[in-house]
Amino acid sequence: MTALQVLLAVAERGSTSAAAEPVSLSQSAVSKQLLGLEELIGGPAFLRTPNGMVPTELGAIYIEHARTAIKAMEDAALKVARMKPGPRVLRLQVPPIFGDRWLLPRFAQFTEAHPEIEVQFTTFVSKTQTEVPDGMVRFVVKPVDDEEGEYLFGHDIRLVSAPSYWEKIGEPATIEAASKGVMLEHPQTPFHWPFLAAFHGNKGLEARHTMRFGYYTMVIRAALAGQGMALIPHGLIVEELAAGRLVNPAGLGYRSDHGYWFTRPRNLPLSQSMALFNRWIHTESGSVRD
C-alpha cells in the first residue's frame, strides 16, 4: 500500500521530493519505495526528464490500477471500522435548507438519547479518498436504483406569506386574487407559480411579478419579512404556521411529485447506529408526513 501511495504521489507531483509530503515520508524513503516497486513490476515506472518524472507505459498501467486498489482498501477499512465496538460514527448528508429548517431544531433529541453515537454531517470528497455517507436526505421524486429510501414529507406545498403582506394586498380567497401578489422563488426548485395555477385549474394565469433569489433560505426569509408570497413545503414551516408568523390563505397550494426522502446505499450493511437514526427520523417526520 505504501509503495502504491508513493507511485500516485510521484505521478501527481512529478518528483520524489515533492511526493514526500503527501505520503509523510522522507525523500530517500520515497525513492526506496519506488525502486522496490519498480523491481517488483519488472521495469521503470517513470522516465526521469529535466521537466520532472513522466510515467512510462508500464507505470501508466500501474498508476491507473493503483487508484482503484487504494480506493477499494479504503472502502474496506471504512466498512470494518463501522463494525467495531466502541464510539460509533454516523455520517449524514443533508440539504442545507432541510438541516436548517427541520433537522437541526430537533436533532438535540437524538444526540441526548444516543450520546454514544458521533454524528458527522459531511460532503467530503477528494481525488484519493471518498467517504460514502451512511445516510442521505434527498429532495427527489424517488430514490435512485442503488439506494433504498423512505419518504419523509414534501408533497404538500403551501402558498404563504407573513400576515403583514396579506394585510397590504388583501388576503386572497382564490388563485385569481393571489395572482395580484409578488411571487418569491428560487429558480432551481420546482416550487413555481405555474404549478400552483395549473393545480387550481387556471393554467395560463400569471403572477403580477416574480422576485427570484439565489438561495431557497432567502425565499423563506423574504416571505417571513412580508416581502411577497412563496410556495414552501408544509413540513418546513409547521411552527411558523402554528404561531401565525406565516399565513396560508384559503388553503391555497398544490401537490408536488418531489419530496424529502431519507436514503442509504444498498451496498452498505445496516449498522446499529443507522438503524437507530432511521427509526428516529421516521418517528419525527410522522407528524408532518403528507
C-alpha atoms as a PDB file:
ATOM      1  CA  MET A   1       0.000   0.000   0.000  1.00  0.00           C
ATOM      2  CA  THR A   2       2.814   2.422   0.830  1.00  0.00           C
ATOM      3  CA  ALA A   3       4.517   1.734  -2.492  1.00  0.00           C
ATOM      4  CA  LEU A   4       1.260   2.313  -4.384  1.00  0.00           C
ATOM      5  CA  GLN A   5       0.645   5.571  -2.497  1.00  0.00           C
ATOM      6  CA  VAL A   6       4.194   6.662  -3.397  1.00  0.00           C
ATOM      7  CA  LEU A   7       3.519   5.787  -7.039  1.00  0.00           C
ATOM      8  CA  LEU A   8       0.418   8.003  -7.130  1.00  0.00           C
ATOM      9  CA  ALA A   9       2.124  10.840  -5.250  1.00  0.00           C
ATOM     10  CA  VAL A  10       5.062  10.893  -7.674  1.00  0.00           C
ATOM     11  CA  ALA A  11       2.663  10.806 -10.629  1.00  0.00           C
ATOM     12  CA  GLU A  12       0.767  13.810  -9.221  1.00  0.00           C
ATOM     13  CA  ARG A  13       3.763  15.844  -8.013  1.00  0.00           C
ATOM     14  CA  GLY A  14       6.352  14.943 -10.666  1.00  0.00           C
ATOM     15  CA  SER A  15       9.289  14.256  -8.335  1.00  0.00           C
ATOM     16  CA  THR A  16      10.261  12.169  -5.318  1.00  0.00           C
ATOM     17  CA  SER A  17      10.984  15.283  -3.253  1.00  0.00           C
ATOM     18  CA  ALA A  18       7.543  16.781  -3.926  1.00  0.00           C
ATOM     19  CA  ALA A  19       5.886  13.411  -3.281  1.00  0.00           C
ATOM     20  CA  ALA A  20       7.432  13.069   0.179  1.00  0.00           C
ATOM     21  CA  GLU A  21       4.992  15.421   1.965  1.00  0.00           C
ATOM     22  CA  PRO A  22       1.622  13.864   0.997  1.00  0.00           C
ATOM     23  CA  VAL A  23       2.804  10.342   1.936  1.00  0.00           C
ATOM     24  CA  SER A  24       4.573  11.518   5.134  1.00  0.00           C
ATOM     25  CA  LEU A  25       7.949  10.011   4.193  1.00  0.00           C
ATOM     26  CA  SER A  26      11.421  11.404   3.606  1.00  0.00           C
ATOM     27  CA  GLN A  27      12.653  11.819   0.039  1.00  0.00           C
ATOM     28  CA  SER A  28      15.065   8.920   0.460  1.00  0.00           C
ATOM     29  CA  ALA A  29      12.262   6.690   1.755  1.00  0.00           C
ATOM     30  CA  VAL A  30      10.089   7.669  -1.240  1.00  0.00           C
ATOM     31  CA  SER A  31      12.937   6.771  -3.616  1.00  0.00           C
ATOM     32  CA  LYS A  32      13.461   3.458  -1.839  1.00  0.00           C
ATOM     33  CA  GLN A  33       9.757   2.574  -2.064  1.00  0.00           C
ATOM     34  CA  LEU A  34       9.678   3.497  -5.750  1.00  0.00           C
ATOM     35  CA  LEU A  35      12.783   1.442  -6.555  1.00  0.00           C
ATOM     36  CA  GLY A  36      11.326  -1.541  -4.713  1.00  0.00           C
ATOM     37  CA  LEU A  37       8.094  -1.258  -6.688  1.00  0.00           C
ATOM     38  CA  GLU A  38       9.938  -0.943  -9.999  1.00  0.00           C
ATOM     39  CA  GLU A  39      11.936  -4.059  -9.157  1.00  0.00           C
ATOM     40  CA  LEU A  40       8.699  -5.877  -8.378  1.00  0.00           C
ATOM     41  CA  ILE A  41       6.907  -4.860 -11.594  1.00  0.00           C
ATOM     42  CA  GLY A  42       9.944  -5.525 -13.752  1.00  0.00           C
ATOM     43  CA  GLY A  43      10.762  -2.106 -15.158  1.00  0.00           C
ATOM     44  CA  PRO A  44      10.851   1.670 -14.567  1.00  0.00           C
ATOM     45  CA  ALA A  45       7.571   3.342 -13.684  1.00  0.00           C
ATOM     46  CA  PHE A  46       8.837   6.803 -14.656  1.00  0.00           C
ATOM     47  CA  LEU A  47      11.197   8.467 -17.094  1.00  0.00           C
ATOM     48  CA  ARG A  48      13.461  10.979 -15.362  1.00  0.00           C
ATOM     49  CA  THR A  49      13.375  14.125 -17.531  1.00  0.00           C
ATOM     50  CA  PRO A  50      14.519  17.745 -16.982  1.00  0.00           C
ATOM     51  CA  ASN A  51      10.829  18.686 -16.583  1.00  0.00           C
ATOM     52  CA  GLY A  52      10.112  16.045 -13.957  1.00  0.00           C
ATOM     53  CA  MET A  53       9.239  12.380 -13.752  1.00  0.00           C
ATOM     54  CA  VAL A  54       6.922  11.194 -16.525  1.00  0.00           C
ATOM     55  CA  PRO A  55       5.103   7.820 -16.322  1.00  0.00           C
ATOM     56  CA  THR A  56       6.266   5.105 -18.693  1.00  0.00           C
ATOM     57  CA  GLU A  57       3.746   2.847 -20.426  1.00  0.00           C
ATOM     58  CA  LEU A  58       4.320   0.299 -17.677  1.00  0.00           C
ATOM     59  CA  GLY A  59       3.969   2.965 -14.992  1.00  0.00           C
ATOM     60  CA  ALA A  60       0.749   4.338 -16.502  1.00  0.00           C
ATOM     61  CA  ILE A  61      -0.875   0.900 -16.259  1.00  0.00           C
ATOM     62  CA  TYR A  62       0.062   0.536 -12.595  1.00  0.00           C
ATOM     63  CA  ILE A  63      -0.970   4.119 -11.781  1.00  0.00           C
ATOM     64  CA  GLU A  64      -4.467   3.519 -13.161  1.00  0.00           C
ATOM     65  CA  HIS A  65      -4.953   0.311 -11.200  1.00  0.00           C
ATOM     66  CA  ALA A  66      -3.274   1.688  -8.058  1.00  0.00           C
ATOM     67  CA  ARG A  67      -6.058   4.269  -7.744  1.00  0.00           C
ATOM     68  CA  THR A  68      -8.663   1.512  -7.900  1.00  0.00           C
ATOM     69  CA  ALA A  69      -6.779  -0.692  -5.429  1.00  0.00           C
ATOM     70  CA  ILE A  70      -6.290   2.055  -2.849  1.00  0.00           C
ATOM     71  CA  LYS A  71      -9.917   3.137  -3.118  1.00  0.00           C
ATOM     72  CA  ALA A  72     -11.038  -0.479  -2.582  1.00  0.00           C
ATOM     73  CA  MET A  73      -8.827  -0.833   0.503  1.00  0.00           C
ATOM     74  CA  GLU A  74     -10.096   2.465   1.953  1.00  0.00           C
ATOM     75  CA  ASP A  75     -13.700   1.355   1.432  1.00  0.00           C
ATOM     76  CA  ALA A  76     -12.958  -1.974   3.118  1.00  0.00           C
ATOM     77  CA  ALA A  77     -11.281  -0.264   6.072  1.00  0.00           C
ATOM     78  CA  LEU A  78     -14.268   2.068   6.465  1.00  0.00           C
ATOM     79  CA  LYS A  79     -16.735  -0.836   6.451  1.00  0.00           C
ATOM     80  CA  VAL A  80     -14.676  -2.744   9.035  1.00  0.00           C
ATOM     81  CA  ALA A  81     -14.404   0.372  11.221  1.00  0.00           C
ATOM     82  CA  ARG A  82     -18.185   0.682  11.217  1.00  0.00           C
ATOM     83  CA  MET A  83     -18.470  -2.877  12.576  1.00  0.00           C
ATOM     84  CA  LYS A  84     -16.111  -2.362  15.522  1.00  0.00           C
ATOM     85  CA  PRO A  85     -17.479  -1.749  19.033  1.00  0.00           C
ATOM     86  CA  GLY A  86     -16.789   1.498  20.846  1.00  0.00           C
ATOM     87  CA  PRO A  87     -17.615   5.041  19.711  1.00  0.00           C
ATOM     88  CA  ARG A  88     -19.880   4.775  16.704  1.00  0.00           C
ATOM     89  CA  VAL A  89     -19.690   7.229  13.822  1.00  0.00           C
ATOM     90  CA  LEU A  90     -22.701   8.085  11.680  1.00  0.00           C
ATOM     91  CA  ARG A  91     -22.062  10.137   8.539  1.00  0.00           C
ATOM     92  CA  LEU A  92     -25.074  12.025   7.205  1.00  0.00           C
ATOM     93  CA  GLN A  93     -25.543  14.237   4.167  1.00  0.00           C
ATOM     94  CA  VAL A  94     -28.478  16.671   4.169  1.00  0.00           C
ATOM     95  CA  PRO A  95     -29.537  19.649   2.014  1.00  0.00           C
ATOM     96  CA  PRO A  96     -28.821  22.917   3.879  1.00  0.00           C
ATOM     97  CA  ILE A  97     -32.457  24.029   3.831  1.00  0.00           C
ATOM     98  CA  PHE A  98     -33.622  20.713   5.329  1.00  0.00           C
ATOM     99  CA  GLY A  99     -30.959  20.865   8.023  1.00  0.00           C
ATOM    100  CA  ASP A 100     -31.697  24.485   8.900  1.00  0.00           C
ATOM    101  CA  ARG A 101     -35.489  24.360   8.829  1.00  0.00           C
ATOM    102  CA  TRP A 102     -36.295  20.847  10.057  1.00  0.00           C
ATOM    103  CA  LEU A 103     -33.454  18.590  11.216  1.00  0.00           C
ATOM    104  CA  LEU A 104     -31.262  20.739  13.461  1.00  0.00           C
ATOM    105  CA  PRO A 105     -34.103  22.176  15.578  1.00  0.00           C
ATOM    106  CA  ARG A 106     -34.986  18.575  16.506  1.00  0.00           C
ATOM    107  CA  PHE A 107     -31.557  16.955  16.434  1.00  0.00           C
ATOM    108  CA  ALA A 108     -30.714  17.512  20.109  1.00  0.00           C
ATOM    109  CA  GLN A 109     -33.359  14.912  20.936  1.00  0.00           C
ATOM    110  CA  PHE A 110     -31.408  12.257  19.032  1.00  0.00           C
ATOM    111  CA  THR A 111     -27.984  13.178  20.465  1.00  0.00           C
ATOM    112  CA  GLU A 112     -29.370  13.237  24.016  1.00  0.00           C
ATOM    113  CA  ALA A 113     -30.951   9.813  23.542  1.00  0.00           C
ATOM    114  CA  HIS A 114     -27.819   8.343  21.925  1.00  0.00           C
ATOM    115  CA  PRO A 115     -24.696  10.123  23.236  1.00  0.00           C
ATOM    116  CA  GLU A 116     -22.566   7.114  22.225  1.00  0.00           C
ATOM    117  CA  ILE A 117     -23.091   7.912  18.513  1.00  0.00           C
ATOM    118  CA  GLU A 118     -20.817  10.510  16.924  1.00  0.00           C
ATOM    119  CA  VAL A 119     -22.716  12.185  14.098  1.00  0.00           C
ATOM    120  CA  GLN A 120     -20.847  13.877  11.249  1.00  0.00           C
ATOM    121  CA  PHE A 121     -22.548  15.955   8.587  1.00  0.00           C
ATOM    122  CA  THR A 122     -20.258  15.501   5.631  1.00  0.00           C
ATOM    123  CA  THR A 123     -19.879  16.033   1.906  1.00  0.00           C
ATOM    124  CA  PHE A 124     -16.145  15.165   1.951  1.00  0.00           C
ATOM    125  CA  VAL A 125     -14.761  14.085  -1.419  1.00  0.00           C
ATOM    126  CA  SER A 126     -11.189  14.130  -2.698  1.00  0.00           C
ATOM    127  CA  LYS A 127      -9.263  12.606  -5.593  1.00  0.00           C
ATOM    128  CA  THR A 128      -7.700   9.908  -3.438  1.00  0.00           C
ATOM    129  CA  GLN A 129     -10.412   9.262  -0.874  1.00  0.00           C
ATOM    130  CA  THR A 130     -14.188   9.212  -0.864  1.00  0.00           C
ATOM    131  CA  GLU A 131     -16.272   8.753   2.272  1.00  0.00           C
ATOM    132  CA  VAL A 132     -19.693   7.457   1.347  1.00  0.00           C
ATOM    133  CA  PRO A 133     -22.323   8.809   3.771  1.00  0.00           C
ATOM    134  CA  ASP A 134     -24.247   6.244   5.808  1.00  0.00           C
ATOM    135  CA  GLY A 135     -27.455   8.097   5.076  1.00  0.00           C
ATOM    136  CA  MET A 136     -28.616  10.984   2.894  1.00  0.00           C
ATOM    137  CA  VAL A 137     -31.642  13.239   2.770  1.00  0.00           C
ATOM    138  CA  ARG A 138     -32.526  13.850  -0.856  1.00  0.00           C
ATOM    139  CA  PHE A 139     -35.171  16.074  -2.430  1.00  0.00           C
ATOM    140  CA  VAL A 140     -36.281  13.869  -5.330  1.00  0.00           C
ATOM    141  CA  VAL A 141     -39.286  12.192  -6.926  1.00  0.00           C
ATOM    142  CA  LYS A 142     -37.928   8.800  -5.799  1.00  0.00           C
ATOM    143  CA  PRO A 143     -34.533   7.354  -4.799  1.00  0.00           C
ATOM    144  CA  VAL A 144     -32.132   6.029  -7.418  1.00  0.00           C
ATOM    145  CA  ASP A 145     -31.879   2.262  -8.016  1.00  0.00           C
ATOM    146  CA  ASP A 146     -28.746   1.711  -5.897  1.00  0.00           C
ATOM    147  CA  GLU A 147     -30.337   3.344  -2.838  1.00  0.00           C
ATOM    148  CA  GLU A 148     -33.167   2.298  -0.576  1.00  0.00           C
ATOM    149  CA  GLY A 149     -35.196   5.097   0.908  1.00  0.00           C
ATOM    150  CA  GLU A 150     -38.147   6.182   2.986  1.00  0.00           C
ATOM    151  CA  TYR A 151     -40.349   9.146   2.139  1.00  0.00           C
ATOM    152  CA  LEU A 152     -40.352  11.804   4.879  1.00  0.00           C
ATOM    153  CA  PHE A 153     -42.518  14.697   3.646  1.00  0.00           C
ATOM    154  CA  GLY A 154     -42.650  17.429   0.998  1.00  0.00           C
ATOM    155  CA  HIS A 155     -45.559  16.713  -1.356  1.00  0.00           C
ATOM    156  CA  ASP A 156     -47.828  19.245   0.408  1.00  0.00           C
ATOM    157  CA  ILE A 157     -46.842  22.697  -0.921  1.00  0.00           C
ATOM    158  CA  ARG A 158     -48.462  25.796   0.618  1.00  0.00           C
ATOM    159  CA  LEU A 159     -48.686  29.381  -0.665  1.00  0.00           C
ATOM    160  CA  VAL A 160     -47.672  31.516   2.326  1.00  0.00           C
ATOM    161  CA  SER A 161     -46.523  34.913   3.455  1.00  0.00           C
ATOM    162  CA  ALA A 162     -46.395  36.987   6.615  1.00  0.00           C
ATOM    163  CA  PRO A 163     -49.700  38.441   7.897  1.00  0.00           C
ATOM    164  CA  SER A 164     -48.427  41.957   7.135  1.00  0.00           C
ATOM    165  CA  TYR A 165     -48.181  41.151   3.429  1.00  0.00           C
ATOM    166  CA  TRP A 166     -51.726  39.811   3.191  1.00  0.00           C
ATOM    167  CA  GLU A 167     -52.965  42.873   5.061  1.00  0.00           C
ATOM    168  CA  LYS A 168     -51.269  45.052   2.453  1.00  0.00           C
ATOM    169  CA  ILE A 169     -52.616  43.357  -0.705  1.00  0.00           C
ATOM    170  CA  GLY A 170     -55.744  41.758   0.737  1.00  0.00           C
ATOM    171  CA  GLU A 171     -55.895  38.121   1.794  1.00  0.00           C
ATOM    172  CA  PRO A 172     -56.808  36.149  -1.370  1.00  0.00           C
ATOM    173  CA  ALA A 173     -59.620  33.647  -1.424  1.00  0.00           C
ATOM    174  CA  THR A 174     -58.942  32.409  -4.975  1.00  0.00           C
ATOM    175  CA  ILE A 175     -55.967  31.762  -7.213  1.00  0.00           C
ATOM    176  CA  GLU A 176     -57.049  34.725  -9.363  1.00  0.00           C
ATOM    177  CA  ALA A 177     -56.854  37.069  -6.378  1.00  0.00           C
ATOM    178  CA  ALA A 178     -53.471  35.629  -5.369  1.00  0.00           C
ATOM    179  CA  SER A 179     -52.088  36.373  -8.850  1.00  0.00           C
ATOM    180  CA  LYS A 180     -52.052  40.071  -7.944  1.00  0.00           C
ATOM    181  CA  GLY A 181     -49.238  39.466  -5.464  1.00  0.00           C
ATOM    182  CA  VAL A 182     -45.450  39.177  -5.801  1.00  0.00           C
ATOM    183  CA  MET A 183     -44.041  35.642  -6.045  1.00  0.00           C
ATOM    184  CA  LEU A 184     -40.767  34.832  -4.268  1.00  0.00           C
ATOM    185  CA  GLU A 185     -38.927  31.976  -5.994  1.00  0.00           C
ATOM    186  CA  HIS A 186     -35.643  30.100  -6.235  1.00  0.00           C
ATOM    187  CA  PRO A 187     -35.155  29.009  -9.891  1.00  0.00           C
ATOM    188  CA  GLN A 188     -33.568  25.645  -9.020  1.00  0.00           C
ATOM    189  CA  THR A 189     -36.559  24.388  -7.008  1.00  0.00           C
ATOM    190  CA  PRO A 190     -39.789  23.018  -8.541  1.00  0.00           C
ATOM    191  CA  PHE A 191     -41.897  25.427  -6.436  1.00  0.00           C
ATOM    192  CA  HIS A 192     -43.102  27.824  -9.126  1.00  0.00           C
ATOM    193  CA  TRP A 193     -46.314  29.739  -9.740  1.00  0.00           C
ATOM    194  CA  PRO A 194     -47.331  27.862 -12.956  1.00  0.00           C
ATOM    195  CA  PHE A 195     -47.620  24.593 -10.981  1.00  0.00           C
ATOM    196  CA  LEU A 196     -49.926  26.277  -8.486  1.00  0.00           C
ATOM    197  CA  ALA A 197     -52.054  27.922 -11.196  1.00  0.00           C
ATOM    198  CA  ALA A 198     -52.401  24.665 -13.139  1.00  0.00           C
ATOM    199  CA  PHE A 199     -53.354  22.733  -9.993  1.00  0.00           C
ATOM    200  CA  HIS A 200     -56.192  25.230  -9.388  1.00  0.00           C
ATOM    201  CA  GLY A 201     -57.476  24.975 -12.958  1.00  0.00           C
ATOM    202  CA  ASN A 202     -56.103  28.223 -14.409  1.00  0.00           C
ATOM    203  CA  LYS A 203     -53.002  27.093 -16.303  1.00  0.00           C
ATOM    204  CA  GLY A 204     -52.356  30.341 -18.202  1.00  0.00           C
ATOM    205  CA  LEU A 205     -52.720  32.633 -15.191  1.00  0.00           C
ATOM    206  CA  GLU A 206     -49.544  34.573 -14.350  1.00  0.00           C
ATOM    207  CA  ALA A 207     -48.479  36.296 -11.145  1.00  0.00           C
ATOM    208  CA  ARG A 208     -48.141  40.083 -11.267  1.00  0.00           C
ATOM    209  CA  HIS A 209     -44.421  39.953 -10.561  1.00  0.00           C
ATOM    210  CA  THR A 210     -41.783  37.359  -9.617  1.00  0.00           C
ATOM    211  CA  MET A 211     -38.760  38.061  -7.431  1.00  0.00           C
ATOM    212  CA  ARG A 212     -36.015  35.418  -7.683  1.00  0.00           C
ATOM    213  CA  PHE A 213     -33.341  34.549  -5.131  1.00  0.00           C
ATOM    214  CA  GLY A 214     -30.138  32.512  -5.422  1.00  0.00           C
ATOM    215  CA  TYR A 215     -30.854  30.554  -2.220  1.00  0.00           C
ATOM    216  CA  TYR A 216     -34.100  28.969  -1.077  1.00  0.00           C
ATOM    217  CA  THR A 217     -33.371  30.054   2.501  1.00  0.00           C
ATOM    218  CA  MET A 218     -33.659  33.648   1.256  1.00  0.00           C
ATOM    219  CA  VAL A 219     -37.080  32.891  -0.244  1.00  0.00           C
ATOM    220  CA  ILE A 220     -38.354  31.751   3.162  1.00  0.00           C
ATOM    221  CA  ARG A 221     -36.728  34.693   4.958  1.00  0.00           C
ATOM    222  CA  ALA A 222     -38.285  37.132   2.476  1.00  0.00           C
ATOM    223  CA  ALA A 223     -41.721  35.558   2.992  1.00  0.00           C
ATOM    224  CA  LEU A 224     -41.345  35.854   6.776  1.00  0.00           C
ATOM    225  CA  ALA A 225     -40.368  39.510   6.312  1.00  0.00           C
ATOM    226  CA  GLY A 226     -43.564  40.208   4.342  1.00  0.00           C
ATOM    227  CA  GLN A 227     -41.845  40.902   1.022  1.00  0.00           C
ATOM    228  CA  GLY A 228     -44.072  38.618  -1.020  1.00  0.00           C
ATOM    229  CA  MET A 229     -45.629  35.172  -1.184  1.00  0.00           C
ATOM    230  CA  ALA A 230     -43.781  31.859  -1.538  1.00  0.00           C
ATOM    231  CA  LEU A 231     -44.500  28.202  -2.197  1.00  0.00           C
ATOM    232  CA  ILE A 232     -42.995  26.157   0.647  1.00  0.00           C
ATOM    233  CA  PRO A 233     -43.348  22.503   1.721  1.00  0.00           C
ATOM    234  CA  HIS A 234     -45.641  22.354   4.717  1.00  0.00           C
ATOM    235  CA  GLY A 235     -43.173  20.252   6.718  1.00  0.00           C
ATOM    236  CA  LEU A 236     -40.572  23.045   6.663  1.00  0.00           C
ATOM    237  CA  ILE A 237     -42.881  25.689   8.132  1.00  0.00           C
ATOM    238  CA  VAL A 238     -45.129  23.882  10.611  1.00  0.00           C
ATOM    239  CA  GLU A 239     -44.041  26.027  13.565  1.00  0.00           C
ATOM    240  CA  GLU A 240     -44.360  29.302  11.629  1.00  0.00           C
ATOM    241  CA  LEU A 241     -47.899  28.453  10.519  1.00  0.00           C
ATOM    242  CA  ALA A 242     -48.921  27.386  14.027  1.00  0.00           C
ATOM    243  CA  ALA A 243     -47.511  30.597  15.530  1.00  0.00           C
ATOM    244  CA  GLY A 244     -49.105  32.797  12.853  1.00  0.00           C
ATOM    245  CA  ARG A 245     -45.790  34.099  11.531  1.00  0.00           C
ATOM    246  CA  LEU A 246     -46.830  32.712   8.149  1.00  0.00           C
ATOM    247  CA  VAL A 247     -50.385  32.509   6.807  1.00  0.00           C
ATOM    248  CA  ASN A 248     -51.723  30.167   4.124  1.00  0.00           C
ATOM    249  CA  PRO A 249     -54.828  31.980   2.795  1.00  0.00           C
ATOM    250  CA  ALA A 250     -57.780  29.823   1.737  1.00  0.00           C
ATOM    251  CA  GLY A 251     -55.556  26.762   1.900  1.00  0.00           C
ATOM    252  CA  LEU A 252     -54.014  27.641  -1.477  1.00  0.00           C
ATOM    253  CA  GLY A 253     -51.348  25.166  -2.512  1.00  0.00           C
ATOM    254  CA  TYR A 254     -50.731  22.073  -4.620  1.00  0.00           C
ATOM    255  CA  ARG A 255     -49.345  18.525  -4.568  1.00  0.00           C
ATOM    256  CA  SER A 256     -45.755  18.136  -5.775  1.00  0.00           C
ATOM    257  CA  ASP A 257     -44.162  14.970  -7.141  1.00  0.00           C
ATOM    258  CA  HIS A 258     -40.931  15.904  -5.317  1.00  0.00           C
ATOM    259  CA  GLY A 259     -40.357  15.251  -1.658  1.00  0.00           C
ATOM    260  CA  TYR A 260     -37.727  14.714   1.025  1.00  0.00           C
ATOM    261  CA  TRP A 261     -36.513  11.123   1.230  1.00  0.00           C
ATOM    262  CA  PHE A 262     -34.085   9.571   3.692  1.00  0.00           C
ATOM    263  CA  THR A 263     -31.933   7.145   1.718  1.00  0.00           C
ATOM    264  CA  ARG A 264     -28.914   4.928   2.216  1.00  0.00           C
ATOM    265  CA  PRO A 265     -26.679   2.951  -0.194  1.00  0.00           C
ATOM    266  CA  ARG A 266     -27.895  -0.603  -0.711  1.00  0.00           C
ATOM    267  CA  ASN A 267     -24.340  -1.983  -0.637  1.00  0.00           C
ATOM    268  CA  LEU A 268     -23.638  -0.754   2.916  1.00  0.00           C
ATOM    269  CA  PRO A 269     -24.585  -3.051   5.811  1.00  0.00           C
ATOM    270  CA  LEU A 270     -27.193  -1.592   8.151  1.00  0.00           C
ATOM    271  CA  SER A 271     -25.257  -0.615  11.280  1.00  0.00           C
ATOM    272  CA  GLN A 272     -26.881  -0.312  14.697  1.00  0.00           C
ATOM    273  CA  SER A 273     -26.296   3.460  14.603  1.00  0.00           C
ATOM    274  CA  MET A 274     -28.007   3.718  11.230  1.00  0.00           C
ATOM    275  CA  ALA A 275     -30.944   1.634  12.419  1.00  0.00           C
ATOM    276  CA  LEU A 276     -31.415   3.894  15.461  1.00  0.00           C
ATOM    277  CA  PHE A 277     -31.266   7.078  13.387  1.00  0.00           C
ATOM    278  CA  ASN A 278     -33.582   5.645  10.742  1.00  0.00           C
ATOM    279  CA  ARG A 279     -36.158   4.806  13.424  1.00  0.00           C
ATOM    280  CA  TRP A 280     -35.805   8.280  14.966  1.00  0.00           C
ATOM    281  CA  ILE A 281     -36.213  10.249  11.735  1.00  0.00           C
ATOM    282  CA  HIS A 282     -39.190   8.086  10.735  1.00  0.00           C
ATOM    283  CA  THR A 283     -40.905   8.856  14.039  1.00  0.00           C
ATOM    284  CA  GLU A 284     -40.095  12.571  13.947  1.00  0.00           C
ATOM    285  CA  SER A 285     -41.263  13.044  10.363  1.00  0.00           C
ATOM    286  CA  GLY A 286     -44.517  11.218  11.072  1.00  0.00           C
ATOM    287  CA  SER A 287     -46.139  14.365  12.435  1.00  0.00           C
ATOM    288  CA  VAL A 288     -45.619  16.238   9.135  1.00  0.00           C
ATOM    289  CA  ARG A 289     -45.775  13.357   6.643  1.00  0.00           C
ATOM    290  CA  ASP A 290     -48.285  14.187   3.913  1.00  0.00           C
END
